[in-house]
Amino acid sequence: MLKRIYLYGERPSYRKYILLQLNNDISKKLSDGYAIFVHAKLKGSESVINIDSTLKSVKIGDSWYTYADASDTGIKLSDIESISIGLRQLEPEKIISQYDVKL
């Protein structure tokens, strides 16, 4: 499912995004009561920031893309040490898949 993660900062608006490149369209799952969870662990800290997303994916070329908006978290993208990302069922809450990526 997950092919690649990109950290993207935009100026002059200072918006921050975690872009997700996927193998397939996740939109159907998101419409059926699932969410993408993104948990960012910060360098030198045990803190984990939740940046979950229910945004539908869009196809560009051979891949699908969606994102989690980290703009309102107050973190710097360069301060992220690792990311746990996956799919969770909302009701009842249950983790379906999880990937851990060290940056």
N, C-alpha and C. Protein backbone atom coordinates (compact mmCIF):
# COMPACT_ATOMS: atom_id res chain seq x y z
N MET A 1 0.81 -1.18 0.00
CA MET A 1 0.00 0.00 0.00
C MET A 1 0.87 1.26 0.00
N LEU A 2 1.70 1.48 1.01
CA LEU A 2 2.55 2.66 1.10
C LEU A 2 3.82 2.46 0.28
N LYS A 3 4.08 3.38 -0.65
CA LYS A 3 5.30 3.31 -1.45
C LYS A 3 6.38 4.24 -0.91
N ARG A 4 5.98 5.46 -0.54
CA ARG A 4 6.97 6.46 -0.15
C ARG A 4 6.31 7.56 0.68
N ILE A 5 7.11 8.17 1.55
CA ILE A 5 6.67 9.31 2.36
C ILE A 5 7.55 10.50 2.00
N TYR A 6 6.92 11.66 1.80
CA TYR A 6 7.64 12.90 1.53
C TYR A 6 7.26 13.93 2.59
N LEU A 7 8.24 14.67 3.08
CA LEU A 7 7.98 15.80 3.96
C LEU A 7 8.09 17.05 3.10
N TYR A 8 7.05 17.88 3.12
CA TYR A 8 7.00 19.03 2.22
C TYR A 8 6.59 20.29 2.97
N GLY A 9 7.41 21.31 2.89
CA GLY A 9 7.10 22.60 3.48
C GLY A 9 6.90 23.63 2.38
N GLU A 10 5.87 24.44 2.51
CA GLU A 10 5.51 25.40 1.48
C GLU A 10 5.70 26.82 1.99
N ARG A 11 6.30 27.67 1.19
CA ARG A 11 6.47 29.08 1.54
C ARG A 11 5.73 29.91 0.52
N PRO A 12 5.21 31.05 0.76
CA PRO A 12 5.32 31.84 1.98
C PRO A 12 4.26 31.50 3.03
N SER A 13 3.39 30.54 2.73
CA SER A 13 2.30 30.24 3.67
C SER A 13 2.74 29.43 4.88
N TYR A 14 3.92 28.83 4.81
CA TYR A 14 4.47 28.00 5.89
C TYR A 14 3.59 26.79 6.21
N ARG A 15 2.87 26.31 5.22
CA ARG A 15 2.10 25.08 5.38
C ARG A 15 3.09 23.91 5.37
N LYS A 16 2.77 22.86 6.14
CA LYS A 16 3.64 21.68 6.24
C LYS A 16 2.79 20.44 5.98
N TYR A 17 3.29 19.57 5.11
CA TYR A 17 2.53 18.38 4.73
C TYR A 17 3.40 17.13 4.80
N ILE A 18 2.76 16.04 5.12
CA ILE A 18 3.37 14.73 4.99
C ILE A 18 2.63 14.07 3.84
N LEU A 19 3.32 13.98 2.70
CA LEU A 19 2.73 13.42 1.48
C LEU A 19 2.95 11.91 1.46
N LEU A 20 1.92 11.18 1.08
CA LEU A 20 1.96 9.73 1.05
C LEU A 20 1.76 9.24 -0.37
N GLN A 21 2.72 8.50 -0.89
CA GLN A 21 2.59 7.89 -2.21
C GLN A 21 2.14 6.45 -1.99
N LEU A 22 1.05 6.07 -2.63
CA LEU A 22 0.41 4.77 -2.41
C LEU A 22 0.39 3.94 -3.69
N ASN A 23 0.27 2.63 -3.52
CA ASN A 23 0.14 1.72 -4.66
C ASN A 23 -1.26 1.74 -5.27
N ASN A 24 -2.27 2.04 -4.44
CA ASN A 24 -3.64 1.99 -4.92
C ASN A 24 -4.50 3.08 -4.27
N ASP A 25 -5.70 3.20 -4.76
CA ASP A 25 -6.64 4.22 -4.28
C ASP A 25 -7.18 3.86 -2.91
N ILE A 26 -6.98 4.72 -1.93
CA ILE A 26 -7.43 4.48 -0.57
C ILE A 26 -8.80 5.11 -0.30
N SER A 27 -9.32 5.86 -1.26
CA SER A 27 -10.55 6.63 -1.06
C SER A 27 -11.74 5.77 -0.64
N LYS A 28 -11.91 4.60 -1.21
CA LYS A 28 -13.03 3.72 -0.86
C LYS A 28 -12.98 3.34 0.61
N LYS A 29 -11.79 2.97 1.09
CA LYS A 29 -11.63 2.61 2.50
C LYS A 29 -11.98 3.79 3.41
N LEU A 30 -11.53 4.99 3.03
CA LEU A 30 -11.79 6.17 3.85
C LEU A 30 -13.28 6.49 3.89
N SER A 31 -14.00 6.20 2.81
CA SER A 31 -15.45 6.41 2.77
C SER A 31 -16.19 5.36 3.59
N ASP A 32 -15.55 4.23 3.84
CA ASP A 32 -16.18 3.12 4.56
C ASP A 32 -15.84 3.10 6.05
N GLY A 33 -15.42 4.24 6.62
CA GLY A 33 -15.20 4.30 8.06
C GLY A 33 -13.78 3.99 8.51
N TYR A 34 -12.83 4.26 7.67
CA TYR A 34 -11.42 4.07 8.02
C TYR A 34 -10.72 5.42 7.96
N ALA A 35 -9.57 5.51 8.60
CA ALA A 35 -8.76 6.73 8.57
C ALA A 35 -7.29 6.33 8.47
N ILE A 36 -6.51 7.22 7.89
CA ILE A 36 -5.07 7.04 7.86
C ILE A 36 -4.52 7.69 9.12
N PHE A 37 -3.75 6.95 9.90
CA PHE A 37 -3.12 7.58 11.06
C PHE A 37 -1.66 7.85 10.75
N VAL A 38 -1.21 9.00 11.19
CA VAL A 38 0.19 9.42 11.04
C VAL A 38 0.64 9.90 12.41
N HIS A 39 1.59 9.20 13.00
CA HIS A 39 2.13 9.56 14.30
C HIS A 39 3.60 9.90 14.13
N ALA A 40 3.93 11.16 14.37
CA ALA A 40 5.31 11.63 14.20
C ALA A 40 6.00 11.68 15.56
N LYS A 41 7.14 10.98 15.67
CA LYS A 41 7.96 11.03 16.89
C LYS A 41 9.05 12.07 16.66
N LEU A 42 9.21 12.96 17.63
CA LEU A 42 10.17 14.04 17.49
C LEU A 42 11.55 13.64 18.01
N LYS A 43 12.60 14.20 17.41
CA LYS A 43 13.98 13.93 17.81
C LYS A 43 14.20 14.36 19.25
N GLY A 44 14.89 13.51 20.01
CA GLY A 44 15.24 13.83 21.39
C GLY A 44 14.06 13.91 22.34
N SER A 45 12.96 13.29 21.98
CA SER A 45 11.75 13.38 22.79
C SER A 45 10.96 12.07 22.68
N GLU A 46 10.17 11.81 23.67
CA GLU A 46 9.25 10.68 23.61
C GLU A 46 7.89 11.12 23.09
N SER A 47 7.75 12.42 22.80
CA SER A 47 6.48 12.97 22.31
C SER A 47 6.12 12.40 20.95
N VAL A 48 4.85 12.13 20.78
CA VAL A 48 4.31 11.68 19.50
C VAL A 48 3.18 12.64 19.13
N ILE A 49 3.24 13.16 17.91
CA ILE A 49 2.23 14.09 17.42
C ILE A 49 1.31 13.33 16.46
N ASN A 50 0.00 13.40 16.70
CA ASN A 50 -0.99 12.77 15.83
C ASN A 50 -1.34 13.72 14.69
N ILE A 51 -1.22 13.22 13.46
CA ILE A 51 -1.54 14.01 12.27
C ILE A 51 -2.39 13.13 11.36
N ASP A 52 -3.53 12.69 11.84
CA ASP A 52 -4.38 11.75 11.10
C ASP A 52 -5.04 12.43 9.91
N SER A 53 -5.49 11.61 8.96
CA SER A 53 -6.07 12.14 7.73
C SER A 53 -7.19 11.24 7.22
N THR A 54 -8.22 11.86 6.67
CA THR A 54 -9.28 11.13 5.97
C THR A 54 -9.46 11.70 4.56
N LEU A 55 -8.40 12.33 4.04
CA LEU A 55 -8.46 12.94 2.71
C LEU A 55 -8.36 11.88 1.62
N LYS A 56 -9.21 11.97 0.63
CA LYS A 56 -9.20 11.02 -0.47
C LYS A 56 -7.92 11.16 -1.29
N SER A 57 -7.56 10.08 -1.97
CA SER A 57 -6.34 10.09 -2.76
C SER A 57 -6.62 10.52 -4.19
N VAL A 58 -5.56 10.96 -4.86
CA VAL A 58 -5.64 11.39 -6.24
C VAL A 58 -4.56 10.65 -7.03
N LYS A 59 -4.87 10.26 -8.27
CA LYS A 59 -3.91 9.52 -9.08
C LYS A 59 -3.10 10.48 -9.94
N ILE A 60 -1.77 10.32 -9.86
CA ILE A 60 -0.84 11.06 -10.70
C ILE A 60 0.13 10.03 -11.27
N GLY A 61 0.14 9.89 -12.58
CA GLY A 61 0.97 8.86 -13.21
C GLY A 61 0.49 7.48 -12.81
N ASP A 62 1.40 6.65 -12.31
CA ASP A 62 1.06 5.29 -11.90
C ASP A 62 0.80 5.15 -10.40
N SER A 63 0.83 6.25 -9.67
CA SER A 63 0.68 6.18 -8.21
C SER A 63 -0.50 7.01 -7.74
N TRP A 64 -0.91 6.73 -6.52
CA TRP A 64 -1.96 7.48 -5.83
C TRP A 64 -1.31 8.27 -4.71
N TYR A 65 -1.83 9.46 -4.43
CA TYR A 65 -1.26 10.34 -3.41
C TYR A 65 -2.35 10.89 -2.51
N THR A 66 -2.02 11.05 -1.24
CA THR A 66 -2.83 11.78 -0.29
C THR A 66 -1.86 12.44 0.68
N TYR A 67 -2.38 13.18 1.64
CA TYR A 67 -1.47 13.86 2.56
C TYR A 67 -2.12 14.05 3.93
N ALA A 68 -1.25 14.30 4.89
CA ALA A 68 -1.67 14.71 6.24
C ALA A 68 -1.11 16.12 6.44
N ASP A 69 -1.95 17.02 6.88
CA ASP A 69 -1.57 18.42 7.06
C ASP A 69 -0.99 18.61 8.46
N ALA A 70 0.31 18.91 8.53
CA ALA A 70 1.00 19.10 9.81
C ALA A 70 1.14 20.57 10.18
N SER A 71 0.47 21.45 9.45
CA SER A 71 0.64 22.89 9.62
C SER A 71 0.27 23.40 11.01
N ASP A 72 -0.77 22.85 11.58
CA ASP A 72 -1.26 23.35 12.87
C ASP A 72 -0.69 22.62 14.08
N THR A 73 0.32 21.79 13.86
CA THR A 73 0.89 21.02 14.96
C THR A 73 1.96 21.77 15.73
N GLY A 74 2.54 22.80 15.11
CA GLY A 74 3.61 23.56 15.75
C GLY A 74 4.97 22.91 15.66
N ILE A 75 5.09 21.83 14.91
CA ILE A 75 6.38 21.15 14.78
C ILE A 75 7.11 21.61 13.51
N LYS A 76 8.42 21.43 13.51
CA LYS A 76 9.22 21.61 12.31
C LYS A 76 9.38 20.23 11.68
N LEU A 77 9.22 20.14 10.38
CA LEU A 77 9.37 18.85 9.72
C LEU A 77 10.76 18.26 9.95
N SER A 78 11.76 19.11 10.08
CA SER A 78 13.13 18.64 10.31
C SER A 78 13.32 18.05 11.70
N ASP A 79 12.37 18.27 12.61
CA ASP A 79 12.44 17.72 13.97
C ASP A 79 11.84 16.32 14.08
N ILE A 80 11.27 15.81 12.99
CA ILE A 80 10.66 14.47 13.02
C ILE A 80 11.76 13.41 12.91
N GLU A 81 11.78 12.51 13.88
CA GLU A 81 12.75 11.41 13.89
C GLU A 81 12.21 10.18 13.17
N SER A 82 10.93 9.87 13.41
CA SER A 82 10.32 8.70 12.78
C SER A 82 8.81 8.93 12.66
N ILE A 83 8.21 8.15 11.78
CA ILE A 83 6.77 8.24 11.54
C ILE A 83 6.19 6.84 11.57
N SER A 84 5.10 6.68 12.30
CA SER A 84 4.28 5.46 12.24
C SER A 84 3.05 5.84 11.44
N ILE A 85 2.76 5.05 10.44
CA ILE A 85 1.63 5.36 9.56
C ILE A 85 0.87 4.08 9.27
N GLY A 86 -0.43 4.21 9.14
CA GLY A 86 -1.22 3.02 8.84
C GLY A 86 -2.68 3.35 8.65
N LEU A 87 -3.45 2.30 8.61
CA LEU A 87 -4.89 2.40 8.41
C LEU A 87 -5.59 1.89 9.66
N ARG A 88 -6.57 2.67 10.13
CA ARG A 88 -7.33 2.21 11.29
C ARG A 88 -8.81 2.29 11.00
N GLN A 89 -9.51 1.33 11.52
CA GLN A 89 -10.96 1.30 11.47
C GLN A 89 -11.46 2.22 12.58
N LEU A 90 -12.47 3.04 12.29
CA LEU A 90 -12.95 4.01 13.28
C LEU A 90 -13.93 3.41 14.28
N GLU A 91 -14.85 2.54 13.85
CA GLU A 91 -15.84 1.94 14.75
C GLU A 91 -15.97 0.46 14.48
N PRO A 92 -15.68 -0.42 15.41
CA PRO A 92 -14.91 -0.15 16.61
C PRO A 92 -13.46 0.14 16.22
N GLU A 93 -12.79 0.94 17.03
CA GLU A 93 -11.43 1.35 16.69
C GLU A 93 -10.49 0.15 16.70
N LYS A 94 -9.76 0.01 15.57
CA LYS A 94 -8.87 -1.13 15.41
C LYS A 94 -7.83 -0.80 14.35
N ILE A 95 -6.56 -1.07 14.62
CA ILE A 95 -5.50 -0.85 13.64
C ILE A 95 -5.51 -2.00 12.64
N ILE A 96 -5.59 -1.64 11.36
CA ILE A 96 -5.63 -2.63 10.28
C ILE A 96 -4.22 -2.91 9.75
N SER A 97 -3.43 -1.86 9.57
CA SER A 97 -2.05 -2.01 9.10
C SER A 97 -1.21 -0.88 9.67
N GLN A 98 0.09 -1.13 9.79
CA GLN A 98 0.99 -0.11 10.32
C GLN A 98 2.38 -0.28 9.74
N TYR A 99 2.99 0.87 9.37
CA TYR A 99 4.37 0.93 8.90
C TYR A 99 5.11 1.90 9.78
N ASP A 100 6.34 1.56 10.15
CA ASP A 100 7.19 2.47 10.94
C ASP A 100 8.39 2.84 10.09
N VAL A 101 8.61 4.16 9.94
CA VAL A 101 9.67 4.65 9.08
C VAL A 101 10.57 5.58 9.89
N LYS A 102 11.86 5.27 9.94
CA LYS A 102 12.84 6.15 10.60
C LYS A 102 13.39 7.10 9.54
N LEU A 103 13.39 8.38 9.86
CA LEU A 103 13.85 9.39 8.89
C LEU A 103 15.31 9.74 9.12
